């Protein structure tokens, strides 16, 4: 949409007229639901210990979801590397 339709330059009415906009709206709605779910689960993730390998990796996934790569590129890269190491070691 940004490349083919200059999405950032379109008004709300023009965006609504673009056929792909409906698909984007569905995706944005789903992402909003996912974000709310993560927000609800975060307090539990902070206080509940993982009891399985999958649980440890899921905690990394959640942490990486919240850690913005533009704000903390080194921390994110290190966590991603640790997660890959664990996946490799736990085969």
N, C-alpha and C. Protein backbone atom coordinates (compact mmCIF):
# COMPACT_ATOMS: atom_id res chain seq x y z
N UNK A 1 0.81 -1.20 0.00
CA UNK A 1 0.00 0.00 0.00
C UNK A 1 0.85 1.27 0.00
N UNK A 2 1.96 1.21 0.70
CA UNK A 2 2.82 2.39 0.75
C UNK A 2 3.53 2.60 -0.58
N UNK A 3 3.95 1.52 -1.22
CA UNK A 3 4.68 1.64 -2.48
C UNK A 3 3.75 1.90 -3.66
N UNK A 4 2.65 1.19 -3.72
CA UNK A 4 1.78 1.25 -4.90
C UNK A 4 0.69 2.31 -4.83
N UNK A 5 0.32 2.68 -3.62
CA UNK A 5 -0.82 3.60 -3.48
C UNK A 5 -0.47 4.90 -2.74
N UNK A 6 0.78 5.10 -2.37
CA UNK A 6 1.16 6.27 -1.56
C UNK A 6 0.26 6.40 -0.34
N UNK A 7 0.10 5.30 0.37
CA UNK A 7 -0.82 5.18 1.49
C UNK A 7 -0.69 6.34 2.48
N UNK A 8 0.54 6.71 2.80
CA UNK A 8 0.77 7.75 3.79
C UNK A 8 0.23 9.11 3.36
N UNK A 9 0.03 9.30 2.06
CA UNK A 9 -0.46 10.59 1.54
C UNK A 9 -1.97 10.62 1.36
N UNK A 10 -2.64 9.48 1.47
CA UNK A 10 -4.08 9.42 1.24
C UNK A 10 -4.86 9.91 2.44
N UNK A 11 -5.99 10.53 2.17
CA UNK A 11 -6.91 10.92 3.24
C UNK A 11 -7.64 9.67 3.73
N UNK A 12 -8.35 9.79 4.83
CA UNK A 12 -9.12 8.65 5.34
C UNK A 12 -10.15 8.17 4.32
N UNK A 13 -10.79 9.11 3.64
CA UNK A 13 -11.79 8.75 2.63
C UNK A 13 -11.14 8.03 1.46
N UNK A 14 -9.98 8.51 1.03
CA UNK A 14 -9.27 7.86 -0.07
C UNK A 14 -8.79 6.47 0.33
N UNK A 15 -8.34 6.34 1.57
CA UNK A 15 -7.91 5.02 2.06
C UNK A 15 -9.08 4.04 2.07
N UNK A 16 -10.23 4.52 2.48
CA UNK A 16 -11.41 3.65 2.54
C UNK A 16 -11.81 3.14 1.17
N UNK A 17 -11.49 3.89 0.13
CA UNK A 17 -11.86 3.50 -1.23
C UNK A 17 -10.89 2.48 -1.84
N UNK A 18 -9.76 2.28 -1.22
CA UNK A 18 -8.77 1.33 -1.74
C UNK A 18 -9.21 -0.09 -1.37
N UNK A 19 -9.33 -0.99 -2.36
CA UNK A 19 -9.81 -2.35 -2.06
C UNK A 19 -8.98 -3.08 -1.01
N UNK A 20 -7.66 -2.90 -1.04
CA UNK A 20 -6.81 -3.60 -0.08
C UNK A 20 -6.97 -3.07 1.34
N UNK A 21 -7.60 -1.92 1.48
CA UNK A 21 -7.76 -1.32 2.80
C UNK A 21 -8.59 -2.21 3.72
N UNK A 22 -9.55 -2.90 3.17
CA UNK A 22 -10.38 -3.79 3.98
C UNK A 22 -9.53 -4.91 4.58
N UNK A 23 -8.62 -5.45 3.78
CA UNK A 23 -7.73 -6.49 4.28
C UNK A 23 -6.82 -5.95 5.38
N UNK A 24 -6.31 -4.74 5.17
CA UNK A 24 -5.45 -4.11 6.17
C UNK A 24 -6.22 -3.90 7.46
N UNK A 25 -7.47 -3.51 7.36
CA UNK A 25 -8.28 -3.31 8.55
C UNK A 25 -8.44 -4.59 9.35
N UNK A 26 -8.65 -5.70 8.68
CA UNK A 26 -8.78 -6.99 9.35
C UNK A 26 -7.48 -7.34 10.07
N UNK A 27 -6.36 -7.12 9.39
CA UNK A 27 -5.06 -7.40 9.99
C UNK A 27 -4.83 -6.51 11.21
N UNK A 28 -5.14 -5.24 11.09
CA UNK A 28 -4.96 -4.32 12.22
C UNK A 28 -5.84 -4.72 13.40
N UNK A 29 -7.06 -5.17 13.13
CA UNK A 29 -7.95 -5.63 14.20
C UNK A 29 -7.36 -6.85 14.90
N UNK A 30 -6.81 -7.78 14.12
CA UNK A 30 -6.21 -8.98 14.71
C UNK A 30 -4.98 -8.62 15.54
N UNK A 31 -4.17 -7.69 15.04
CA UNK A 31 -3.00 -7.25 15.80
C UNK A 31 -3.40 -6.57 17.11
N UNK A 32 -4.48 -5.84 17.09
CA UNK A 32 -4.96 -5.20 18.31
C UNK A 32 -5.39 -6.24 19.34
N UNK A 33 -6.03 -7.31 18.88
CA UNK A 33 -6.44 -8.39 19.78
C UNK A 33 -5.20 -9.07 20.36
N UNK A 34 -4.21 -9.32 19.52
CA UNK A 34 -2.97 -9.95 19.99
C UNK A 34 -2.29 -9.05 21.03
N UNK A 35 -2.23 -7.77 20.77
CA UNK A 35 -1.60 -6.84 21.72
C UNK A 35 -2.32 -6.84 23.06
N UNK A 36 -3.64 -6.86 23.04
CA UNK A 36 -4.42 -6.91 24.29
C UNK A 36 -4.17 -8.21 25.03
N UNK A 37 -4.05 -9.30 24.29
CA UNK A 37 -3.77 -10.59 24.91
C UNK A 37 -2.41 -10.58 25.58
N UNK A 38 -1.41 -10.06 24.89
CA UNK A 38 -0.08 -9.94 25.50
C UNK A 38 -0.13 -9.06 26.74
N UNK A 39 -0.87 -7.96 26.68
CA UNK A 39 -0.97 -7.08 27.84
C UNK A 39 -1.60 -7.80 29.03
N UNK A 40 -2.57 -8.66 28.76
CA UNK A 40 -3.21 -9.40 29.83
C UNK A 40 -2.30 -10.50 30.38
N UNK A 41 -1.48 -11.08 29.51
CA UNK A 41 -0.62 -12.18 29.93
C UNK A 41 0.69 -11.73 30.57
N UNK A 42 1.13 -10.53 30.29
CA UNK A 42 2.42 -10.08 30.79
C UNK A 42 2.55 -10.19 32.31
N UNK A 43 1.57 -9.76 33.09
CA UNK A 43 1.72 -9.92 34.55
C UNK A 43 1.91 -11.39 34.95
N UNK A 44 1.23 -12.29 34.27
CA UNK A 44 1.38 -13.71 34.57
C UNK A 44 2.77 -14.22 34.17
N UNK A 45 3.27 -13.75 33.04
CA UNK A 45 4.59 -14.18 32.58
C UNK A 45 5.68 -13.71 33.54
N UNK A 46 5.48 -12.57 34.16
CA UNK A 46 6.48 -12.05 35.09
C UNK A 46 6.51 -12.84 36.39
N UNK A 47 5.41 -13.47 36.76
CA UNK A 47 5.33 -14.11 38.07
C UNK A 47 5.25 -15.63 38.01
N UNK A 48 5.10 -16.20 36.84
CA UNK A 48 4.96 -17.65 36.71
C UNK A 48 6.23 -18.24 36.11
N UNK A 49 6.80 -19.21 36.80
CA UNK A 49 8.03 -19.84 36.30
C UNK A 49 7.68 -20.81 35.18
N UNK A 50 8.55 -20.86 34.19
CA UNK A 50 8.39 -21.84 33.11
C UNK A 50 8.75 -23.23 33.66
N UNK A 51 8.00 -24.22 33.25
CA UNK A 51 8.27 -25.59 33.71
C UNK A 51 8.67 -26.51 32.57
N UNK A 52 8.69 -25.98 31.36
CA UNK A 52 9.08 -26.77 30.20
C UNK A 52 9.98 -25.92 29.29
N UNK A 53 10.63 -26.59 28.37
CA UNK A 53 11.43 -25.87 27.38
C UNK A 53 10.56 -24.94 26.56
N UNK A 54 9.40 -25.43 26.16
CA UNK A 54 8.48 -24.61 25.38
C UNK A 54 8.07 -23.37 26.17
N UNK A 55 7.92 -23.53 27.48
CA UNK A 55 7.56 -22.39 28.32
C UNK A 55 8.66 -21.35 28.38
N UNK A 56 9.90 -21.79 28.47
CA UNK A 56 11.03 -20.86 28.48
C UNK A 56 11.08 -20.10 27.15
N UNK A 57 10.95 -20.81 26.05
CA UNK A 57 10.99 -20.17 24.74
C UNK A 57 9.81 -19.24 24.53
N UNK A 58 8.66 -19.60 25.08
CA UNK A 58 7.49 -18.72 24.98
C UNK A 58 7.72 -17.43 25.76
N UNK A 59 8.40 -17.52 26.89
CA UNK A 59 8.71 -16.31 27.65
C UNK A 59 9.65 -15.41 26.85
N UNK A 60 10.63 -16.01 26.16
CA UNK A 60 11.50 -15.22 25.28
C UNK A 60 10.67 -14.56 24.17
N UNK A 61 9.75 -15.32 23.57
CA UNK A 61 8.90 -14.76 22.51
C UNK A 61 8.14 -13.53 23.03
N UNK A 62 7.59 -13.65 24.22
CA UNK A 62 6.84 -12.53 24.79
C UNK A 62 7.75 -11.34 25.04
N UNK A 63 8.91 -11.59 25.58
CA UNK A 63 9.85 -10.51 25.84
C UNK A 63 10.26 -9.82 24.54
N UNK A 64 10.53 -10.61 23.53
CA UNK A 64 10.93 -10.03 22.24
C UNK A 64 9.79 -9.24 21.61
N UNK A 65 8.55 -9.64 21.87
CA UNK A 65 7.39 -8.90 21.37
C UNK A 65 7.41 -7.47 21.92
N UNK A 66 7.75 -7.33 23.20
CA UNK A 66 7.72 -6.03 23.85
C UNK A 66 8.96 -5.19 23.61
N UNK A 67 10.07 -5.81 23.30
CA UNK A 67 11.34 -5.10 23.17
C UNK A 67 11.50 -4.56 21.75
N UNK A 68 11.36 -3.28 21.60
CA UNK A 68 11.43 -2.62 20.30
C UNK A 68 12.88 -2.61 19.81
N UNK A 69 13.10 -3.13 18.61
CA UNK A 69 14.45 -3.21 18.08
C UNK A 69 15.03 -1.84 17.76
N UNK A 70 14.20 -0.84 17.54
CA UNK A 70 14.74 0.49 17.27
C UNK A 70 15.21 1.17 18.55
N UNK A 71 14.58 0.86 19.68
CA UNK A 71 14.97 1.45 20.95
C UNK A 71 16.12 0.70 21.61
N UNK A 72 16.15 -0.63 21.43
CA UNK A 72 17.14 -1.47 22.10
C UNK A 72 17.71 -2.52 21.14
N UNK A 73 18.40 -2.09 20.08
CA UNK A 73 18.85 -3.06 19.08
C UNK A 73 19.82 -4.10 19.63
N UNK A 74 20.73 -3.69 20.51
CA UNK A 74 21.71 -4.64 21.04
C UNK A 74 21.06 -5.66 21.97
N UNK A 75 20.17 -5.18 22.83
CA UNK A 75 19.48 -6.09 23.75
C UNK A 75 18.62 -7.09 22.98
N UNK A 76 17.93 -6.61 21.98
CA UNK A 76 17.07 -7.49 21.18
C UNK A 76 17.91 -8.53 20.45
N UNK A 77 19.01 -8.10 19.85
CA UNK A 77 19.88 -9.04 19.13
C UNK A 77 20.44 -10.10 20.08
N UNK A 78 20.81 -9.70 21.28
CA UNK A 78 21.34 -10.66 22.25
C UNK A 78 20.27 -11.66 22.68
N UNK A 79 19.07 -11.18 22.95
CA UNK A 79 17.98 -12.08 23.34
C UNK A 79 17.63 -13.05 22.21
N UNK A 80 17.59 -12.55 20.98
CA UNK A 80 17.30 -13.43 19.85
C UNK A 80 18.39 -14.50 19.72
N UNK A 81 19.64 -14.11 19.94
CA UNK A 81 20.74 -15.05 19.87
C UNK A 81 20.62 -16.11 20.97
N UNK A 82 20.29 -15.68 22.17
CA UNK A 82 20.10 -16.62 23.28
C UNK A 82 18.96 -17.60 22.97
N UNK A 83 17.90 -17.09 22.42
CA UNK A 83 16.77 -17.95 22.07
C UNK A 83 17.18 -18.97 21.02
N UNK A 84 17.92 -18.54 20.01
CA UNK A 84 18.40 -19.50 18.99
C UNK A 84 19.32 -20.54 19.61
N UNK A 85 20.19 -20.10 20.53
CA UNK A 85 21.08 -21.04 21.21
C UNK A 85 20.29 -22.11 21.95
N UNK A 86 19.28 -21.67 22.68
CA UNK A 86 18.46 -22.63 23.44
C UNK A 86 17.74 -23.60 22.51
N UNK A 87 17.21 -23.11 21.42
CA UNK A 87 16.54 -23.99 20.48
C UNK A 87 17.52 -25.03 19.92
N UNK A 88 18.73 -24.56 19.61
CA UNK A 88 19.74 -25.47 19.05
C UNK A 88 20.19 -26.50 20.10
N UNK A 89 20.39 -26.08 21.32
CA UNK A 89 20.88 -26.96 22.37
C UNK A 89 19.81 -27.95 22.85
N UNK A 90 18.56 -27.57 22.71
CA UNK A 90 17.46 -28.40 23.23
C UNK A 90 16.83 -29.26 22.15
N UNK A 91 17.56 -29.60 21.14
CA UNK A 91 17.01 -30.44 20.05
C UNK A 91 16.78 -31.84 20.57
